[in-house]
Amino acid sequence: PLLIAFSTTSSEAVFPKLVTELERFGCNNRIVSFIFPLGYSFNLDGSMMYMTFASIFIAQIYGIDMTVGQQITMLLVLMLTSKGIAGVPRASLVIIVATCSMFGIPPEGIALILPIDHFCDMARSMTNVLGNALSTVAVDKWEGHVAVEQTYTHNDDHKA
C-alpha cells in the first residue's frame, strides 16, 4: 500500500487495500472502519508539515523574517486548513498560496516549489498513509484487539 500511495500521489487509492491489510493483520473491523476513515479526514501530518515548511521557505527566500509567534500561528492555520485537502493531489499548493497571502508573503513564490512538488507529494501521501495505518493499529492495540502476540506465539509454537 505504501508503494501505491507513493506512485499515485494519492492516499485515497490505497484505502480499500489497506483496510483489508489491517484486518488481515488482526485489527478489529469495527476499529478499522471508524479510526481509519477518521484519520483520512483529520490526520494529515505529512501535508500539514510540508505546507508549513514550504510557506516558511518561501518567506525566507523573499527575506521576510517571521517571529516564532507568526510561525506557530501559521502552523495552527495550516493544521485547520489541511483538513480539506484529503484525496486531492496538489491541493496543498492552493493552501500554500492562501497562507502566504494571509501572512504577507508574496504568493508567486509558489513557483519556487512547483518543480519539486510532485516528488514531495509522493512522500507526503506515503507519510499520511503510514500515519493513518499506525494510528489505527495503536487504537486497536489500546482497545485490546490486535492479535500480534497471538501471531508471534503461533509462529513460535509452529517452529518448535
C-alpha atoms as a PDB file:
ATOM      1  CA  PRO A   1       0.000   0.000   0.000  1.00  0.00           C
ATOM      2  CA  LEU A   2       2.817   2.444   0.701  1.00  0.00           C
ATOM      3  CA  LEU A   3       4.221   1.883  -2.777  1.00  0.00           C
ATOM      4  CA  ILE A   4       0.805   2.510  -4.320  1.00  0.00           C
ATOM      5  CA  ALA A   5       0.417   5.746  -2.315  1.00  0.00           C
ATOM      6  CA  PHE A   6       3.920   6.797  -3.330  1.00  0.00           C
ATOM      7  CA  SER A   7       3.428   6.120  -7.031  1.00  0.00           C
ATOM      8  CA  THR A   8      -0.099   7.543  -7.358  1.00  0.00           C
ATOM      9  CA  THR A   9       0.458  10.526  -5.012  1.00  0.00           C
ATOM     10  CA  SER A  10      -2.941   9.780  -3.535  1.00  0.00           C
ATOM     11  CA  SER A  11      -3.675   8.220  -0.198  1.00  0.00           C
ATOM     12  CA  GLU A  12      -7.256   7.556  -1.322  1.00  0.00           C
ATOM     13  CA  ALA A  13      -6.073   4.993  -3.879  1.00  0.00           C
ATOM     14  CA  VAL A  14      -4.774   2.803  -1.059  1.00  0.00           C
ATOM     15  CA  PHE A  15      -7.814   2.926   1.203  1.00  0.00           C
ATOM     16  CA  PRO A  16      -9.543  -0.378   0.251  1.00  0.00           C
ATOM     17  CA  LYS A  17      -6.300  -2.359   0.144  1.00  0.00           C
ATOM     18  CA  LEU A  18      -5.088  -1.011   3.464  1.00  0.00           C
ATOM     19  CA  VAL A  19      -8.414  -1.768   5.172  1.00  0.00           C
ATOM     20  CA  THR A  20      -8.013  -5.373   4.043  1.00  0.00           C
ATOM     21  CA  GLU A  21      -4.388  -5.463   5.194  1.00  0.00           C
ATOM     22  CA  LEU A  22      -5.216  -4.005   8.611  1.00  0.00           C
ATOM     23  CA  GLU A  23      -7.958  -6.586   9.132  1.00  0.00           C
ATOM     24  CA  ARG A  24      -5.606  -9.330   7.979  1.00  0.00           C
ATOM     25  CA  PHE A  25      -3.019  -8.001  10.445  1.00  0.00           C
ATOM     26  CA  GLY A  26      -5.522  -8.649  13.216  1.00  0.00           C
ATOM     27  CA  CYS A  27      -7.238  -5.302  13.738  1.00  0.00           C
ATOM     28  CA  ASN A  28     -10.906  -5.384  14.672  1.00  0.00           C
ATOM     29  CA  ASN A  29     -13.188  -4.476  11.760  1.00  0.00           C
ATOM     30  CA  ARG A  30     -15.155  -2.018  13.924  1.00  0.00           C
ATOM     31  CA  ILE A  31     -11.989  -0.151  14.927  1.00  0.00           C
ATOM     32  CA  VAL A  32     -10.647  -0.098  11.362  1.00  0.00           C
ATOM     33  CA  SER A  33     -13.934   1.130   9.895  1.00  0.00           C
ATOM     34  CA  PHE A  34     -14.090   4.003  12.403  1.00  0.00           C
ATOM     35  CA  ILE A  35     -10.487   5.091  13.062  1.00  0.00           C
ATOM     36  CA  PHE A  36      -9.023   4.643   9.573  1.00  0.00           C
ATOM     37  CA  PRO A  37     -11.509   6.936   7.730  1.00  0.00           C
ATOM     38  CA  LEU A  38     -11.272   9.406  10.611  1.00  0.00           C
ATOM     39  CA  GLY A  39      -7.518   9.501  10.074  1.00  0.00           C
ATOM     40  CA  TYR A  40      -8.021  10.226   6.383  1.00  0.00           C
ATOM     41  CA  SER A  41     -10.037  13.291   7.324  1.00  0.00           C
ATOM     42  CA  PHE A  42      -8.034  14.627  10.251  1.00  0.00           C
ATOM     43  CA  ASN A  43      -4.594  13.006  10.407  1.00  0.00           C
ATOM     44  CA  LEU A  44      -2.811  14.672   7.512  1.00  0.00           C
ATOM     45  CA  ASP A  45       0.505  15.133   9.277  1.00  0.00           C
ATOM     46  CA  GLY A  46       2.638  14.874   6.139  1.00  0.00           C
ATOM     47  CA  SER A  47       0.626  17.512   4.298  1.00  0.00           C
ATOM     48  CA  MET A  48       0.493  19.902   7.231  1.00  0.00           C
ATOM     49  CA  MET A  49       4.245  19.713   7.828  1.00  0.00           C
ATOM     50  CA  TYR A  50       5.018  20.184   4.128  1.00  0.00           C
ATOM     51  CA  MET A  51       2.758  23.211   3.792  1.00  0.00           C
ATOM     52  CA  THR A  52       4.297  24.830   6.871  1.00  0.00           C
ATOM     53  CA  PHE A  53       7.852  24.213   5.687  1.00  0.00           C
ATOM     54  CA  ALA A  54       7.047  25.362   2.146  1.00  0.00           C
ATOM     55  CA  SER A  55       5.425  28.598   3.350  1.00  0.00           C
ATOM     56  CA  ILE A  56       8.334  29.388   5.665  1.00  0.00           C
ATOM     57  CA  PHE A  57      10.783  28.526   2.870  1.00  0.00           C
ATOM     58  CA  ILE A  58       9.083  30.997   0.526  1.00  0.00           C
ATOM     59  CA  ALA A  59       9.195  33.654   3.258  1.00  0.00           C
ATOM     60  CA  GLN A  60      12.913  33.032   3.758  1.00  0.00           C
ATOM     61  CA  ILE A  61      13.599  33.267   0.013  1.00  0.00           C
ATOM     62  CA  TYR A  62      11.961  36.713  -0.027  1.00  0.00           C
ATOM     63  CA  GLY A  63      13.865  37.768   3.099  1.00  0.00           C
ATOM     64  CA  ILE A  64      10.745  38.038   5.252  1.00  0.00           C
ATOM     65  CA  ASP A  65      11.539  37.449   8.898  1.00  0.00           C
ATOM     66  CA  MET A  66       8.762  35.733  10.808  1.00  0.00           C
ATOM     67  CA  THR A  67       8.558  35.733  14.573  1.00  0.00           C
ATOM     68  CA  VAL A  68       8.098  32.480  16.448  1.00  0.00           C
ATOM     69  CA  GLY A  69       4.534  33.599  17.190  1.00  0.00           C
ATOM     70  CA  GLN A  70       3.813  34.068  13.485  1.00  0.00           C
ATOM     71  CA  GLN A  71       5.288  30.672  12.699  1.00  0.00           C
ATOM     72  CA  ILE A  72       3.162  28.984  15.372  1.00  0.00           C
ATOM     73  CA  THR A  73       0.082  30.837  14.108  1.00  0.00           C
ATOM     74  CA  MET A  74       0.905  29.646  10.586  1.00  0.00           C
ATOM     75  CA  LEU A  75       1.248  26.085  11.858  1.00  0.00           C
ATOM     76  CA  LEU A  76      -2.161  26.293  13.574  1.00  0.00           C
ATOM     77  CA  VAL A  77      -3.802  27.806  10.483  1.00  0.00           C
ATOM     78  CA  LEU A  78      -2.334  25.056   8.309  1.00  0.00           C
ATOM     79  CA  MET A  79      -3.426  22.417  10.813  1.00  0.00           C
ATOM     80  CA  LEU A  80      -7.009  23.543  10.250  1.00  0.00           C
ATOM     81  CA  THR A  81      -6.822  24.156   6.509  1.00  0.00           C
ATOM     82  CA  SER A  82      -5.065  20.849   5.793  1.00  0.00           C
ATOM     83  CA  LYS A  83      -8.269  19.026   6.758  1.00  0.00           C
ATOM     84  CA  GLY A  84      -9.864  19.867   3.426  1.00  0.00           C
ATOM     85  CA  ILE A  85      -7.179  18.511   1.110  1.00  0.00           C
ATOM     86  CA  ALA A  86      -7.500  14.764   1.651  1.00  0.00           C
ATOM     87  CA  GLY A  87      -7.537  12.838  -1.605  1.00  0.00           C
ATOM     88  CA  VAL A  88      -6.928  15.869  -3.819  1.00  0.00           C
ATOM     89  CA  PRO A  89      -3.469  15.786  -5.392  1.00  0.00           C
ATOM     90  CA  ARG A  90      -1.731  19.196  -5.463  1.00  0.00           C
ATOM     91  CA  ALA A  91      -4.447  20.816  -3.288  1.00  0.00           C
ATOM     92  CA  SER A  92      -1.685  21.807  -0.910  1.00  0.00           C
ATOM     93  CA  LEU A  93      -0.445  24.336  -3.488  1.00  0.00           C
ATOM     94  CA  VAL A  94      -3.703  26.277  -3.214  1.00  0.00           C
ATOM     95  CA  ILE A  95      -3.493  26.242   0.580  1.00  0.00           C
ATOM     96  CA  ILE A  96       0.143  27.426   0.481  1.00  0.00           C
ATOM     97  CA  VAL A  97      -0.765  30.341  -1.798  1.00  0.00           C
ATOM     98  CA  ALA A  98      -3.638  31.348   0.507  1.00  0.00           C
ATOM     99  CA  THR A  99      -1.440  31.041   3.589  1.00  0.00           C
ATOM    100  CA  CYS A 100       1.340  33.092   2.026  1.00  0.00           C
ATOM    101  CA  SER A 101      -1.166  35.823   1.162  1.00  0.00           C
ATOM    102  CA  MET A 102      -2.503  35.760   4.723  1.00  0.00           C
ATOM    103  CA  PHE A 103       0.953  36.317   6.234  1.00  0.00           C
ATOM    104  CA  GLY A 104       2.163  38.948   3.748  1.00  0.00           C
ATOM    105  CA  ILE A 105       4.402  36.573   1.811  1.00  0.00           C
ATOM    106  CA  PRO A 106       4.345  37.016  -1.995  1.00  0.00           C
ATOM    107  CA  PRO A 107       2.120  34.162  -3.279  1.00  0.00           C
ATOM    108  CA  GLU A 108       4.022  33.997  -6.569  1.00  0.00           C
ATOM    109  CA  GLY A 109       6.768  32.330  -4.552  1.00  0.00           C
ATOM    110  CA  ILE A 110       4.833  29.104  -5.116  1.00  0.00           C
ATOM    111  CA  ALA A 111       6.677  28.920  -8.457  1.00  0.00           C
ATOM    112  CA  LEU A 112       9.835  28.134  -6.483  1.00  0.00           C
ATOM    113  CA  ILE A 113       8.446  24.859  -5.167  1.00  0.00           C
ATOM    114  CA  LEU A 114       6.472  23.763  -8.229  1.00  0.00           C
ATOM    115  CA  PRO A 115       9.369  21.793  -9.779  1.00  0.00           C
ATOM    116  CA  ILE A 116       9.756  19.566  -6.709  1.00  0.00           C
ATOM    117  CA  ASP A 117       6.136  19.467  -5.534  1.00  0.00           C
ATOM    118  CA  HIS A 118       5.309  16.240  -7.363  1.00  0.00           C
ATOM    119  CA  PHE A 119       8.095  14.373  -5.590  1.00  0.00           C
ATOM    120  CA  CYS A 120       7.185  15.918  -2.250  1.00  0.00           C
ATOM    121  CA  ASP A 121       3.558  14.915  -2.862  1.00  0.00           C
ATOM    122  CA  MET A 122       4.665  11.314  -3.315  1.00  0.00           C
ATOM    123  CA  ALA A 123       6.405  11.284   0.068  1.00  0.00           C
ATOM    124  CA  ARG A 124       3.558  13.239   1.672  1.00  0.00           C
ATOM    125  CA  SER A 125       0.971  10.704   0.553  1.00  0.00           C
ATOM    126  CA  MET A 126       3.083   7.848   1.840  1.00  0.00           C
ATOM    127  CA  THR A 127       3.579   9.617   5.196  1.00  0.00           C
ATOM    128  CA  ASN A 128      -0.163  10.193   5.551  1.00  0.00           C
ATOM    129  CA  VAL A 129      -0.975   6.552   4.776  1.00  0.00           C
ATOM    130  CA  LEU A 130       1.650   5.255   7.187  1.00  0.00           C
ATOM    131  CA  GLY A 131       0.438   7.606   9.925  1.00  0.00           C
ATOM    132  CA  ASN A 132      -3.175   6.541   9.445  1.00  0.00           C
ATOM    133  CA  ALA A 133      -2.306   2.841   9.498  1.00  0.00           C
ATOM    134  CA  LEU A 134      -0.141   3.172  12.595  1.00  0.00           C
ATOM    135  CA  SER A 135      -2.759   5.196  14.453  1.00  0.00           C
ATOM    136  CA  THR A 136      -5.400   2.598  13.617  1.00  0.00           C
ATOM    137  CA  VAL A 137      -3.199  -0.223  14.912  1.00  0.00           C
ATOM    138  CA  ALA A 138      -2.357   1.810  18.037  1.00  0.00           C
ATOM    139  CA  VAL A 139      -6.025   2.435  18.859  1.00  0.00           C
ATOM    140  CA  ASP A 140      -6.847  -1.199  18.172  1.00  0.00           C
ATOM    141  CA  LYS A 141      -3.998  -2.322  20.427  1.00  0.00           C
ATOM    142  CA  TRP A 142      -5.136   0.149  23.094  1.00  0.00           C
ATOM    143  CA  GLU A 143      -8.597  -1.405  22.923  1.00  0.00           C
ATOM    144  CA  GLY A 144      -7.015  -4.843  23.277  1.00  0.00           C
ATOM    145  CA  HIS A 145      -7.919  -6.249  19.868  1.00  0.00           C
ATOM    146  CA  VAL A 146      -4.707  -6.616  17.839  1.00  0.00           C
ATOM    147  CA  ALA A 147      -3.693 -10.251  17.689  1.00  0.00           C
ATOM    148  CA  VAL A 148       0.007  -9.581  17.055  1.00  0.00           C
ATOM    149  CA  GLU A 149       1.074 -11.510  20.153  1.00  0.00           C
ATOM    150  CA  GLN A 150      -1.015 -14.459  19.049  1.00  0.00           C
ATOM    151  CA  THR A 151       0.632 -14.379  15.637  1.00  0.00           C
ATOM    152  CA  TYR A 152       4.120 -14.424  17.155  1.00  0.00           C
ATOM    153  CA  THR A 153       3.139 -17.092  19.683  1.00  0.00           C
ATOM    154  CA  HIS A 154       1.612 -19.178  16.918  1.00  0.00           C
ATOM    155  CA  ASN A 155       4.788 -18.870  14.821  1.00  0.00           C
ATOM    156  CA  ASP A 156       6.978 -19.774  17.805  1.00  0.00           C
ATOM    157  CA  ASP A 157       4.832 -22.864  18.539  1.00  0.00           C
ATOM    158  CA  HIS A 158       4.986 -23.841  14.881  1.00  0.00           C
ATOM    159  CA  LYS A 159       8.803 -23.698  14.864  1.00  0.00           C
ATOM    160  CA  ALA A 160       9.133 -25.873  17.971  1.00  0.00           C
END
